[in-house]
Full PDB file with SEQRES, HELIX, SHEET, SSBOND, CRYST1, ORIGX, SCALE, CONECT and MASTER records, all heavy atoms in Angstrom:
SEQRES   1 A   42  ILE LEU PRO TYR LEU GLY GLY ALA PRO ALA ALA ASP LEU          
SEQRES   2 A   42  LYS ALA LEU SER LYS ASP ASN VAL ASN MET ASN VAL SER          
SEQRES   3 A   42  THR PHE VAL THR LEU ARG ARG GLU SER LEU MET SER LEU          
SEQRES   4 A   42  THR PRO ARG                                                  
HELIX    1 AA1 LEU A    2  GLY A    7  5                                   6    
HELIX    2 AA2 ALA A   10  LEU A   16  1                                   7    
HELIX    3 AA3 VAL A   25  PHE A   28  1                                   4    
HELIX    4 AA4 ARG A   33  MET A   37  1                                   5    
CRYST1    1.000    1.000    1.000  90.00  90.00  90.00 P 1           1          
ORIGX1      1.000000  0.000000  0.000000        0.00000                         
ORIGX2      0.000000  1.000000  0.000000        0.00000                         
ORIGX3      0.000000  0.000000  1.000000        0.00000                         
SCALE1      1.000000  0.000000  0.000000        0.00000                         
SCALE2      0.000000  1.000000  0.000000        0.00000                         
SCALE3      0.000000  0.000000  1.000000        0.00000                         
ATOM      1  N   ILE A   1      90.495  91.022  89.190  1.00  0.00           N  
ATOM      2  CA  ILE A   1      91.470  91.205  88.128  1.00  0.00           C  
ATOM      3  C   ILE A   1      92.273  89.937  87.855  1.00  0.00           C  
ATOM      4  O   ILE A   1      92.954  89.833  86.842  1.00  0.00           O  
ATOM      5  CB  ILE A   1      92.465  92.346  88.548  1.00  0.00           C  
ATOM      6  CG1 ILE A   1      93.171  92.942  87.337  1.00  0.00           C  
ATOM      7  CG2 ILE A   1      93.480  91.898  89.541  1.00  0.00           C  
ATOM      8  CD1 ILE A   1      92.259  93.770  86.448  1.00  0.00           C  
ATOM      9  N   LEU A   2      92.136  88.921  88.708  1.00  0.00           N  
ATOM     10  CA  LEU A   2      92.932  87.708  88.629  1.00  0.00           C  
ATOM     11  C   LEU A   2      92.901  87.030  87.231  1.00  0.00           C  
ATOM     12  O   LEU A   2      93.953  86.641  86.729  1.00  0.00           O  
ATOM     13  CB  LEU A   2      92.454  86.740  89.686  1.00  0.00           C  
ATOM     14  CG  LEU A   2      93.165  85.372  89.761  1.00  0.00           C  
ATOM     15  CD1 LEU A   2      94.677  85.587  89.961  1.00  0.00           C  
ATOM     16  CD2 LEU A   2      92.591  84.535  90.909  1.00  0.00           C  
ATOM     17  N   PRO A   3      91.720  86.855  86.624  1.00  0.00           N  
ATOM     18  CA  PRO A   3      91.760  86.159  85.309  1.00  0.00           C  
ATOM     19  C   PRO A   3      92.529  86.855  84.217  1.00  0.00           C  
ATOM     20  O   PRO A   3      92.947  86.267  83.201  1.00  0.00           O  
ATOM     21  CB  PRO A   3      90.235  86.090  84.936  1.00  0.00           C  
ATOM     22  CG  PRO A   3      89.510  86.297  86.215  1.00  0.00           C  
ATOM     23  CD  PRO A   3      90.366  87.188  87.064  1.00  0.00           C  
ATOM     24  N   TYR A   4      92.833  88.123  84.424  1.00  0.00           N  
ATOM     25  CA  TYR A   4      93.478  88.944  83.427  1.00  0.00           C  
ATOM     26  C   TYR A   4      94.926  89.277  83.720  1.00  0.00           C  
ATOM     27  O   TYR A   4      95.591  89.984  82.947  1.00  0.00           O  
ATOM     28  CB  TYR A   4      92.701  90.261  83.219  1.00  0.00           C  
ATOM     29  CG  TYR A   4      91.226  90.055  82.955  1.00  0.00           C  
ATOM     30  CD1 TYR A   4      90.278  90.076  84.007  1.00  0.00           C  
ATOM     31  CD2 TYR A   4      90.760  89.724  81.664  1.00  0.00           C  
ATOM     32  CE1 TYR A   4      88.953  89.900  83.784  1.00  0.00           C  
ATOM     33  CE2 TYR A   4      89.412  89.517  81.481  1.00  0.00           C  
ATOM     34  CZ  TYR A   4      88.507  89.598  82.498  1.00  0.00           C  
ATOM     35  OH  TYR A   4      87.156  89.340  82.248  1.00  0.00           O  
ATOM     36  N   LEU A   5      95.433  88.724  84.823  1.00  0.00           N  
ATOM     37  CA  LEU A   5      96.807  89.119  85.270  1.00  0.00           C  
ATOM     38  C   LEU A   5      97.887  88.654  84.300  1.00  0.00           C  
ATOM     39  O   LEU A   5      99.035  89.126  84.368  1.00  0.00           O  
ATOM     40  CB  LEU A   5      97.095  88.556  86.654  1.00  0.00           C  
ATOM     41  CG  LEU A   5      96.429  89.305  87.806  1.00  0.00           C  
ATOM     42  CD1 LEU A   5      96.804  88.635  89.149  1.00  0.00           C  
ATOM     43  CD2 LEU A   5      96.848  90.772  87.834  1.00  0.00           C  
ATOM     44  N   GLY A   6      97.585  87.745  83.396  1.00  0.00           N  
ATOM     45  CA  GLY A   6      98.576  87.276  82.421  1.00  0.00           C  
ATOM     46  C   GLY A   6      99.035  88.421  81.473  1.00  0.00           C  
ATOM     47  O   GLY A   6     100.028  88.257  80.768  1.00  0.00           O  
ATOM     48  N   GLY A   7      98.311  89.533  81.472  1.00  0.00           N  
ATOM     49  CA  GLY A   7      98.701  90.674  80.640  1.00  0.00           C  
ATOM     50  C   GLY A   7      99.145  91.861  81.465  1.00  0.00           C  
ATOM     51  O   GLY A   7      99.337  92.947  80.907  1.00  0.00           O  
ATOM     52  N   ALA A   8      99.373  91.658  82.735  1.00  0.00           N  
ATOM     53  CA  ALA A   8      99.731  92.814  83.627  1.00  0.00           C  
ATOM     54  C   ALA A   8     101.176  93.267  83.444  1.00  0.00           C  
ATOM     55  O   ALA A   8     102.086  92.396  83.380  1.00  0.00           O  
ATOM     56  CB  ALA A   8      99.499  92.430  85.073  1.00  0.00           C  
ATOM     57  N   PRO A   9     101.458  94.534  83.302  1.00  0.00           N  
ATOM     58  CA  PRO A   9     102.834  95.032  83.245  1.00  0.00           C  
ATOM     59  C   PRO A   9     103.523  94.931  84.627  1.00  0.00           C  
ATOM     60  O   PRO A   9     102.846  94.709  85.667  1.00  0.00           O  
ATOM     61  CB  PRO A   9     102.659  96.508  82.821  1.00  0.00           C  
ATOM     62  CG  PRO A   9     101.312  96.843  83.334  1.00  0.00           C  
ATOM     63  CD  PRO A   9     100.473  95.620  83.223  1.00  0.00           C  
ATOM     64  N   ALA A  10     104.808  95.061  84.610  1.00  0.00           N  
ATOM     65  CA  ALA A  10     105.598  94.871  85.817  1.00  0.00           C  
ATOM     66  C   ALA A  10     105.201  95.821  86.923  1.00  0.00           C  
ATOM     67  O   ALA A  10     105.086  95.453  88.107  1.00  0.00           O  
ATOM     68  CB  ALA A  10     107.086  95.036  85.516  1.00  0.00           C  
ATOM     69  N   ALA A  11     104.904  97.100  86.540  1.00  0.00           N  
ATOM     70  CA  ALA A  11     104.583  98.110  87.546  1.00  0.00           C  
ATOM     71  C   ALA A  11     103.327  97.704  88.348  1.00  0.00           C  
ATOM     72  O   ALA A  11     103.236  97.949  89.566  1.00  0.00           O  
ATOM     73  CB  ALA A  11     104.329  99.461  86.849  1.00  0.00           C  
ATOM     74  N   ASP A  12     102.370  97.118  87.674  1.00  0.00           N  
ATOM     75  CA  ASP A  12     101.113  96.710  88.355  1.00  0.00           C  
ATOM     76  C   ASP A  12     101.352  95.512  89.277  1.00  0.00           C  
ATOM     77  O   ASP A  12     100.743  95.390  90.361  1.00  0.00           O  
ATOM     78  CB  ASP A  12     100.039  96.416  87.342  1.00  0.00           C  
ATOM     79  CG  ASP A  12      99.547  97.649  86.626  1.00  0.00           C  
ATOM     80  OD1 ASP A  12     100.113  98.692  86.851  1.00  0.00           O  
ATOM     81  OD2 ASP A  12      98.618  97.537  85.821  1.00  0.00           O  
ATOM     82  N   LEU A  13     102.232  94.579  88.870  1.00  0.00           N  
ATOM     83  CA  LEU A  13     102.545  93.440  89.734  1.00  0.00           C  
ATOM     84  C   LEU A  13     103.287  93.898  90.985  1.00  0.00           C  
ATOM     85  O   LEU A  13     103.092  93.407  92.060  1.00  0.00           O  
ATOM     86  CB  LEU A  13     103.335  92.399  88.959  1.00  0.00           C  
ATOM     87  CG  LEU A  13     102.640  91.722  87.781  1.00  0.00           C  
ATOM     88  CD1 LEU A  13     103.604  90.789  87.051  1.00  0.00           C  
ATOM     89  CD2 LEU A  13     101.404  90.969  88.258  1.00  0.00           C  
ATOM     90  N   LYS A  14     104.222  94.863  90.797  1.00  0.00           N  
ATOM     91  CA  LYS A  14     104.949  95.385  91.933  1.00  0.00           C  
ATOM     92  C   LYS A  14     103.985  96.074  92.912  1.00  0.00           C  
ATOM     93  O   LYS A  14     104.214  95.954  94.124  1.00  0.00           O  
ATOM     94  CB  LYS A  14     105.965  96.435  91.429  1.00  0.00           C  
ATOM     95  CG  LYS A  14     107.154  95.764  90.615  1.00  0.00           C  
ATOM     96  CD  LYS A  14     108.036  96.843  90.028  1.00  0.00           C  
ATOM     97  CE  LYS A  14     109.145  96.228  89.182  1.00  0.00           C  
ATOM     98  NZ  LYS A  14     110.151  95.508  89.973  1.00  0.00           N  
ATOM     99  N   ALA A  15     102.961  96.710  92.411  1.00  0.00           N  
ATOM    100  CA  ALA A  15     102.001  97.368  93.296  1.00  0.00           C  
ATOM    101  C   ALA A  15     101.179  96.295  94.017  1.00  0.00           C  
ATOM    102  O   ALA A  15     100.934  96.431  95.231  1.00  0.00           O  
ATOM    103  CB  ALA A  15     101.070  98.270  92.484  1.00  0.00           C  
ATOM    104  N   LEU A  16     100.801  95.254  93.331  1.00  0.00           N  
ATOM    105  CA  LEU A  16     100.051  94.148  93.969  1.00  0.00           C  
ATOM    106  C   LEU A  16     100.900  93.468  95.061  1.00  0.00           C  
ATOM    107  O   LEU A  16     100.327  92.962  96.027  1.00  0.00           O  
ATOM    108  CB  LEU A  16      99.657  93.110  92.925  1.00  0.00           C  
ATOM    109  CG  LEU A  16      98.394  93.347  92.128  1.00  0.00           C  
ATOM    110  CD1 LEU A  16      98.177  92.202  91.141  1.00  0.00           C  
ATOM    111  CD2 LEU A  16      97.165  93.500  93.054  1.00  0.00           C  
ATOM    112  N   SER A  17     102.200  93.438  94.900  1.00  0.00           N  
ATOM    113  CA  SER A  17     103.047  92.768  95.894  1.00  0.00           C  
ATOM    114  C   SER A  17     103.013  93.430  97.260  1.00  0.00           C  
ATOM    115  O   SER A  17     103.376  92.818  98.250  1.00  0.00           O  
ATOM    116  CB  SER A  17     104.485  92.756  95.389  1.00  0.00           C  
ATOM    117  OG  SER A  17     105.070  94.058  95.452  1.00  0.00           O  
ATOM    118  N   LYS A  18     102.418  94.612  97.318  1.00  0.00           N  
ATOM    119  CA  LYS A  18     102.285  95.312  98.616  1.00  0.00           C  
ATOM    120  C   LYS A  18     100.906  95.089  99.262  1.00  0.00           C  
ATOM    121  O   LYS A  18     100.655  95.626 100.332  1.00  0.00           O  
ATOM    122  CB  LYS A  18     102.503  96.808  98.404  1.00  0.00           C  
ATOM    123  CG  LYS A  18     103.877  97.130  97.784  1.00  0.00           C  
ATOM    124  CD  LYS A  18     104.043  98.615  97.492  1.00  0.00           C  
ATOM    125  CE  LYS A  18     105.331  98.902  96.805  1.00  0.00           C  
ATOM    126  NZ  LYS A  18     105.447 100.344  96.409  1.00  0.00           N  
ATOM    127  N   ASP A  19     100.051  94.292  98.576  1.00  0.00           N  
ATOM    128  CA  ASP A  19      98.676  94.173  99.006  1.00  0.00           C  
ATOM    129  C   ASP A  19      98.315  92.829  99.696  1.00  0.00           C  
ATOM    130  O   ASP A  19      97.174  92.533  99.872  1.00  0.00           O  
ATOM    131  CB  ASP A  19      97.694  94.412  97.865  1.00  0.00           C  
ATOM    132  CG  ASP A  19      97.749  95.859  97.331  1.00  0.00           C  
ATOM    133  OD1 ASP A  19      98.228  96.733  98.097  1.00  0.00           O  
ATOM    134  OD2 ASP A  19      97.396  96.070  96.179  1.00  0.00           O  
ATOM    135  N   ASN A  20      99.348  91.999  99.940  1.00  0.00           N  
ATOM    136  CA  ASN A  20      99.120  90.687 100.577  1.00  0.00           C  
ATOM    137  C   ASN A  20      98.046  89.852  99.837  1.00  0.00           C  
ATOM    138  O   ASN A  20      97.061  89.400 100.457  1.00  0.00           O  
ATOM    139  CB  ASN A  20      98.695  90.901 102.049  1.00  0.00           C  
ATOM    140  CG  ASN A  20      99.744  91.625 102.847  1.00  0.00           C  
ATOM    141  OD1 ASN A  20     100.944  91.302 102.748  1.00  0.00           O  
ATOM    142  ND2 ASN A  20      99.306  92.611 103.613  1.00  0.00           N  
ATOM    143  N   VAL A  21      98.277  89.671  98.539  1.00  0.00           N  
ATOM    144  CA  VAL A  21      97.254  88.977  97.727  1.00  0.00           C  
ATOM    145  C   VAL A  21      97.377  87.465  97.788  1.00  0.00           C  
ATOM    146  O   VAL A  21      96.458  86.735  97.387  1.00  0.00           O  
ATOM    147  CB  VAL A  21      97.313  89.458  96.258  1.00  0.00           C  
ATOM    148  CG1 VAL A  21      96.968  90.912  96.140  1.00  0.00           C  
ATOM    149  CG2 VAL A  21      98.689  89.162  95.654  1.00  0.00           C  
ATOM    150  N   ASN A  22      98.508  86.917  98.281  1.00  0.00           N  
ATOM    151  CA  ASN A  22      98.670  85.464  98.360  1.00  0.00           C  
ATOM    152  C   ASN A  22      98.438  84.763  97.047  1.00  0.00           C  
ATOM    153  O   ASN A  22      97.608  83.851  96.945  1.00  0.00           O  
ATOM    154  CB  ASN A  22      97.820  84.873  99.456  1.00  0.00           C  
ATOM    155  CG  ASN A  22      98.239  85.334 100.869  1.00  0.00           C  
ATOM    156  OD1 ASN A  22      99.412  85.317 101.191  1.00  0.00           O  
ATOM    157  ND2 ASN A  22      97.273  85.742 101.633  1.00  0.00           N  
ATOM    158  N   MET A  23      99.134  85.226  96.009  1.00  0.00           N  
ATOM    159  CA  MET A  23      98.981  84.635  94.666  1.00  0.00           C  
ATOM    160  C   MET A  23      99.418  83.170  94.634  1.00  0.00           C  
ATOM    161  O   MET A  23     100.452  82.824  95.194  1.00  0.00           O  
ATOM    162  CB  MET A  23      99.787  85.444  93.653  1.00  0.00           C  
ATOM    163  CG  MET A  23      99.774  84.930  92.211  1.00  0.00           C  
ATOM    164  SD  MET A  23     100.835  85.894  91.141  1.00  0.00           S  
ATOM    165  CE  MET A  23      99.945  87.433  91.024  1.00  0.00           C  
ATOM    166  N   ASN A  24      98.634  82.332  93.959  1.00  0.00           N  
ATOM    167  CA  ASN A  24      99.044  80.910  93.733  1.00  0.00           C  
ATOM    168  C   ASN A  24     100.242  80.859  92.844  1.00  0.00           C  
ATOM    169  O   ASN A  24     100.332  81.632  91.876  1.00  0.00           O  
ATOM    170  CB  ASN A  24      97.886  80.130  93.201  1.00  0.00           C  
ATOM    171  CG  ASN A  24      96.774  79.902  94.199  1.00  0.00           C  
ATOM    172  OD1 ASN A  24      97.012  79.683  95.357  1.00  0.00           O  
ATOM    173  ND2 ASN A  24      95.539  79.959  93.712  1.00  0.00           N  
ATOM    174  N   VAL A  25     101.111  79.858  93.028  1.00  0.00           N  
ATOM    175  CA  VAL A  25     102.269  79.711  92.146  1.00  0.00           C  
ATOM    176  C   VAL A  25     101.811  79.366  90.746  1.00  0.00           C  
ATOM    177  O   VAL A  25     102.393  79.778  89.761  1.00  0.00           O  
ATOM    178  CB  VAL A  25     103.218  78.623  92.697  1.00  0.00           C  
ATOM    179  CG1 VAL A  25     104.344  78.361  91.695  1.00  0.00           C  
ATOM    180  CG2 VAL A  25     103.753  79.061  94.046  1.00  0.00           C  
ATOM    181  N   SER A  26     100.668  78.625  90.644  1.00  0.00           N  
ATOM    182  CA  SER A  26     100.148  78.324  89.295  1.00  0.00           C  
ATOM    183  C   SER A  26      99.757  79.587  88.530  1.00  0.00           C  
ATOM    184  O   SER A  26      99.849  79.587  87.265  1.00  0.00           O  
ATOM    185  CB  SER A  26      98.939  77.395  89.443  1.00  0.00           C  
ATOM    186  OG  SER A  26      97.905  77.997  90.220  1.00  0.00           O  
ATOM    187  N   THR A  27      99.365  80.617  89.221  1.00  0.00           N  
ATOM    188  CA  THR A  27      99.092  81.893  88.541  1.00  0.00           C  
ATOM    189  C   THR A  27     100.422  82.664  88.274  1.00  0.00           C  
ATOM    190  O   THR A  27     100.582  83.208  87.164  1.00  0.00           O  
ATOM    191  CB  THR A  27      98.211  82.794  89.461  1.00  0.00           C  
ATOM    192  OG1 THR A  27      96.946  82.119  89.650  1.00  0.00           O  
ATOM    193  CG2 THR A  27      97.958  84.162  88.812  1.00  0.00           C  
ATOM    194  N   PHE A  28     101.323  82.598  89.221  1.00  0.00           N  
ATOM    195  CA  PHE A  28     102.633  83.294  89.088  1.00  0.00           C  
ATOM    196  C   PHE A  28     103.353  82.855  87.872  1.00  0.00           C  
ATOM    197  O   PHE A  28     103.894  83.685  87.145  1.00  0.00           O  
ATOM    198  CB  PHE A  28     103.438  83.008  90.363  1.00  0.00           C  
ATOM    199  CG  PHE A  28     104.818  83.603  90.307  1.00  0.00           C  
ATOM    200  CD1 PHE A  28     104.995  84.962  90.563  1.00  0.00           C  
ATOM    201  CD2 PHE A  28     105.944  82.839  90.065  1.00  0.00           C  
ATOM    202  CE1 PHE A  28     106.244  85.539  90.545  1.00  0.00           C  
ATOM    203  CE2 PHE A  28     107.210  83.395  90.042  1.00  0.00           C  
ATOM    204  CZ  PHE A  28     107.348  84.739  90.282  1.00  0.00           C  
ATOM    205  N   VAL A  29     103.395  81.572  87.551  1.00  0.00           N  
ATOM    206  CA  VAL A  29     104.192  81.073  86.401  1.00  0.00           C  
ATOM    207  C   VAL A  29     103.534  81.393  85.056  1.00  0.00           C  
ATOM    208  O   VAL A  29     104.162  81.186  83.991  1.00  0.00           O  
ATOM    209  CB  VAL A  29     104.470  79.584  86.514  1.00  0.00           C  
ATOM    210  CG1 VAL A  29     105.266  79.233  87.772  1.00  0.00           C  
ATOM    211  CG2 VAL A  29     103.146  78.765  86.503  1.00  0.00           C  
ATOM    212  N   THR A  30     102.287  81.899  85.060  1.00  0.00           N  
ATOM    213  CA  THR A  30     101.598  82.256  83.823  1.00  0.00           C  
ATOM    214  C   THR A  30     101.616  83.768  83.612  1.00  0.00           C  
ATOM    215  O   THR A  30     101.019  84.263  82.631  1.00  0.00           O  
ATOM    216  CB  THR A  30     100.179  81.746  83.770  1.00  0.00           C  
ATOM    217  OG1 THR A  30      99.448  82.334  84.847  1.00  0.00           O  
ATOM    218  CG2 THR A  30     100.151  80.240  83.919  1.00  0.00           C  
ATOM    219  N   LEU A  31     102.308  84.537  84.448  1.00  0.00           N  
ATOM    220  CA  LEU A  31     102.390  85.961  84.271  1.00  0.00           C  
ATOM    221  C   LEU A  31     103.183  86.314  83.028  1.00  0.00           C  
ATOM    222  O   LEU A  31     103.986  85.519  82.512  1.00  0.00           O  
ATOM    223  CB  LEU A  31     103.058  86.594  85.502  1.00  0.00           C  
ATOM    224  CG  LEU A  31     102.307  86.480  86.848  1.00  0.00           C  
ATOM    225  CD1 LEU A  31     103.139  87.048  87.952  1.00  0.00           C  
ATOM    226  CD2 LEU A  31     100.943  87.161  86.750  1.00  0.00           C  
ATOM    227  N   ARG A  32     102.990  87.482  82.556  1.00  0.00           N  
ATOM    228  CA  ARG A  32     103.728  88.029  81.422  1.00  0.00           C  
ATOM    229  C   ARG A  32     105.199  87.888  81.691  1.00  0.00           C  
ATOM    230  O   ARG A  32     105.690  88.356  82.716  1.00  0.00           O  
ATOM    231  CB  ARG A  32     103.318  89.489  81.216  1.00  0.00           C  
ATOM    232  CG  ARG A  32     103.710  90.168  80.015  1.00  0.00           C  
ATOM    233  CD  ARG A  32     103.029  91.503  79.941  1.00  0.00           C  
ATOM    234  NE  ARG A  32     103.553  92.452  79.014  1.00  0.00           N  
ATOM    235  CZ  ARG A  32     103.014  93.634  78.754  1.00  0.00           C  
ATOM    236  NH1 ARG A  32     101.955  94.040  79.456  1.00  0.00           N  
ATOM    237  NH2 ARG A  32     103.525  94.448  77.872  1.00  0.00           N  
ATOM    238  N   ARG A  33     105.947  87.253  80.787  1.00  0.00           N  
ATOM    239  CA  ARG A  33     107.336  86.899  81.033  1.00  0.00           C  
ATOM    240  C   ARG A  33     108.187  88.103  81.446  1.00  0.00           C  
ATOM    241  O   ARG A  33     108.880  88.054  82.448  1.00  0.00           O  
ATOM    242  CB  ARG A  33     107.931  86.167  79.866  1.00  0.00           C  
ATOM    243  CG  ARG A  33     109.391  85.739  80.089  1.00  0.00           C  
ATOM    244  CD  ARG A  33     109.982  85.008  78.912  1.00  0.00           C  
ATOM    245  NE  ARG A  33     111.365  84.772  79.128  1.00  0.00           N  
ATOM    246  CZ  ARG A  33     111.888  83.773  79.796  1.00  0.00           C  
ATOM    247  NH1 ARG A  33     111.091  82.902  80.361  1.00  0.00           N  
ATOM    248  NH2 ARG A  33     113.196  83.611  79.951  1.00  0.00           N  
ATOM    249  N   GLU A  34     108.151  89.153  80.655  1.00  0.00           N  
ATOM    250  CA  GLU A  34     109.035  90.265  80.945  1.00  0.00           C  
ATOM    251  C   GLU A  34     108.674  90.936  82.277  1.00  0.00           C  
ATOM    252  O   GLU A  34     109.543  91.513  82.937  1.00  0.00           O  
ATOM    253  CB  GLU A  34     109.050  91.314  79.784  1.00  0.00           C  
ATOM    254  CG  GLU A  34     107.715  91.953  79.474  1.00  0.00           C  
ATOM    255  CD  GLU A  34     106.955  91.212  78.380  1.00  0.00           C  
ATOM    256  OE1 GLU A  34     107.167  89.949  78.239  1.00  0.00           O  
ATOM    257  OE2 GLU A  34     106.206  91.874  77.649  1.00  0.00           O  
ATOM    258  N   SER A  35     107.416  90.881  82.610  1.00  0.00           N  
ATOM    259  CA  SER A  35     106.970  91.444  83.854  1.00  0.00           C  
ATOM    260  C   SER A  35     107.488  90.608  85.028  1.00  0.00           C  
ATOM    261  O   SER A  35     108.000  91.133  86.029  1.00  0.00           O  
ATOM    262  CB  SER A  35     105.438  91.487  83.968  1.00  0.00           C  
ATOM    263  OG  SER A  35     104.899  92.285  82.948  1.00  0.00           O  
ATOM    264  N   LEU A  36     107.390  89.285  84.926  1.00  0.00           N  
ATOM    265  CA  LEU A  36     107.856  88.378  85.976  1.00  0.00           C  
ATOM    266  C   LEU A  36     109.374  88.542  86.159  1.00  0.00           C  
ATOM    267  O   LEU A  36     109.862  88.590  87.320  1.00  0.00           O  
ATOM    268  CB  LEU A  36     107.524  86.955  85.595  1.00  0.00           C  
ATOM    269  CG  LEU A  36     107.731  85.859  86.647  1.00  0.00           C  
ATOM    270  CD1 LEU A  36     106.821  84.691  86.354  1.00  0.00           C  
ATOM    271  CD2 LEU A  36     109.180  85.359  86.648  1.00  0.00           C  
ATOM    272  N   MET A  37     110.153  88.649  85.068  1.00  0.00           N  
ATOM    273  CA  MET A  37     111.579  88.746  85.136  1.00  0.00           C  
ATOM    274  C   MET A  37     112.059  89.997  85.835  1.00  0.00           C  
ATOM    275  O   MET A  37     113.234  90.081  86.320  1.00  0.00           O  
ATOM    276  CB  MET A  37     112.234  88.598  83.735  1.00  0.00           C  
ATOM    277  CG  MET A  37     111.995  87.292  83.100  1.00  0.00           C  
ATOM    278  SD  MET A  37     112.667  85.917  84.037  1.00  0.00           S  
ATOM    279  CE  MET A  37     111.676  84.543  83.474  1.00  0.00           C  
ATOM    280  N   SER A  38     111.261  91.015  85.854  1.00  0.00           N  
ATOM    281  CA  SER A  38     111.695  92.285  86.459  1.00  0.00           C  
ATOM    282  C   SER A  38     111.392  92.364  87.929  1.00  0.00           C  
ATOM    283  O   SER A  38     111.770  93.355  88.620  1.00  0.00           O  
ATOM    284  CB  SER A  38     111.002  93.458  85.731  1.00  0.00           C  
ATOM    285  OG  SER A  38     109.637  93.462  86.039  1.00  0.00           O  
ATOM    286  N   LEU A  39     110.753  91.351  88.491  1.00  0.00           N  
ATOM    287  CA  LEU A  39     110.424  91.371  89.944  1.00  0.00           C  
ATOM    288  C   LEU A  39     111.608  90.996  90.796  1.00  0.00           C  
ATOM    289  O   LEU A  39     112.413  90.114  90.417  1.00  0.00           O  
ATOM    290  CB  LEU A  39     109.293  90.391  90.233  1.00  0.00           C  
ATOM    291  CG  LEU A  39     107.930  90.618  89.552  1.00  0.00           C  
ATOM    292  CD1 LEU A  39     106.955  89.493  89.817  1.00  0.00           C  
ATOM    293  CD2 LEU A  39     107.348  91.957  89.999  1.00  0.00           C  
ATOM    294  N   THR A  40     111.773  91.626  91.908  1.00  0.00           N  
ATOM    295  CA  THR A  40     112.818  91.318  92.871  1.00  0.00           C  
ATOM    296  C   THR A  40     112.349  90.164  93.759  1.00  0.00           C  
ATOM    297  O   THR A  40     111.143  89.926  93.877  1.00  0.00           O  
ATOM    298  CB  THR A  40     113.168  92.550  93.731  1.00  0.00           C  
ATOM    299  OG1 THR A  40     112.014  92.824  94.556  1.00  0.00           O  
ATOM    300  CG2 THR A  40     113.484  93.727  92.871  1.00  0.00           C  
ATOM    301  N   PRO A  41     113.266  89.488  94.448  1.00  0.00           N  
ATOM    302  CA  PRO A  41     112.843  88.424  95.408  1.00  0.00           C  
ATOM    303  C   PRO A  41     111.874  88.938  96.446  1.00  0.00           C  
ATOM    304  O   PRO A  41     110.886  88.257  96.810  1.00  0.00           O  
ATOM    305  CB  PRO A  41     114.169  87.991  96.009  1.00  0.00           C  
ATOM    306  CG  PRO A  41     115.128  88.193  94.929  1.00  0.00           C  
ATOM    307  CD  PRO A  41     114.719  89.439  94.277  1.00  0.00           C  
ATOM    308  N   ARG A  42     112.063  90.133  96.943  1.00  0.00           N  
ATOM    309  CA  ARG A  42     111.157  90.731  97.937  1.00  0.00           C  
ATOM    310  C   ARG A  42     109.781  90.934  97.348  1.00  0.00           C  
ATOM    311  O   ARG A  42     108.764  90.698  98.034  1.00  0.00           O  
ATOM    312  CB  ARG A  42     111.729  92.072  98.464  1.00  0.00           C  
ATOM    313  CG  ARG A  42     110.859  92.687  99.587  1.00  0.00           C  
ATOM    314  CD  ARG A  42     111.486  93.983 100.024  1.00  0.00           C  
ATOM    315  NE  ARG A  42     112.753  93.747 100.688  1.00  0.00           N  
ATOM    316  CZ  ARG A  42     112.920  93.454 101.956  1.00  0.00           C  
ATOM    317  NH1 ARG A  42     111.848  93.291 102.731  1.00  0.00           N  
ATOM    318  NH2 ARG A  42     114.108  93.265 102.459  1.00  0.00           N  
TER     319      ARG A  42                                                      
MASTER        0    0    0    4    0    0    0    6  318    1    0    4          
END                                                                             
């Protein structure tokens, strides 16, 4: 799913955060803006 994560809604990113995916920061900064902004530090 990695090539398509730029269109992921916040709920799906929150679910991924529980799966130890070790996302690269270069991928993180290209996420859908409103989805990224809704994430907590944890």
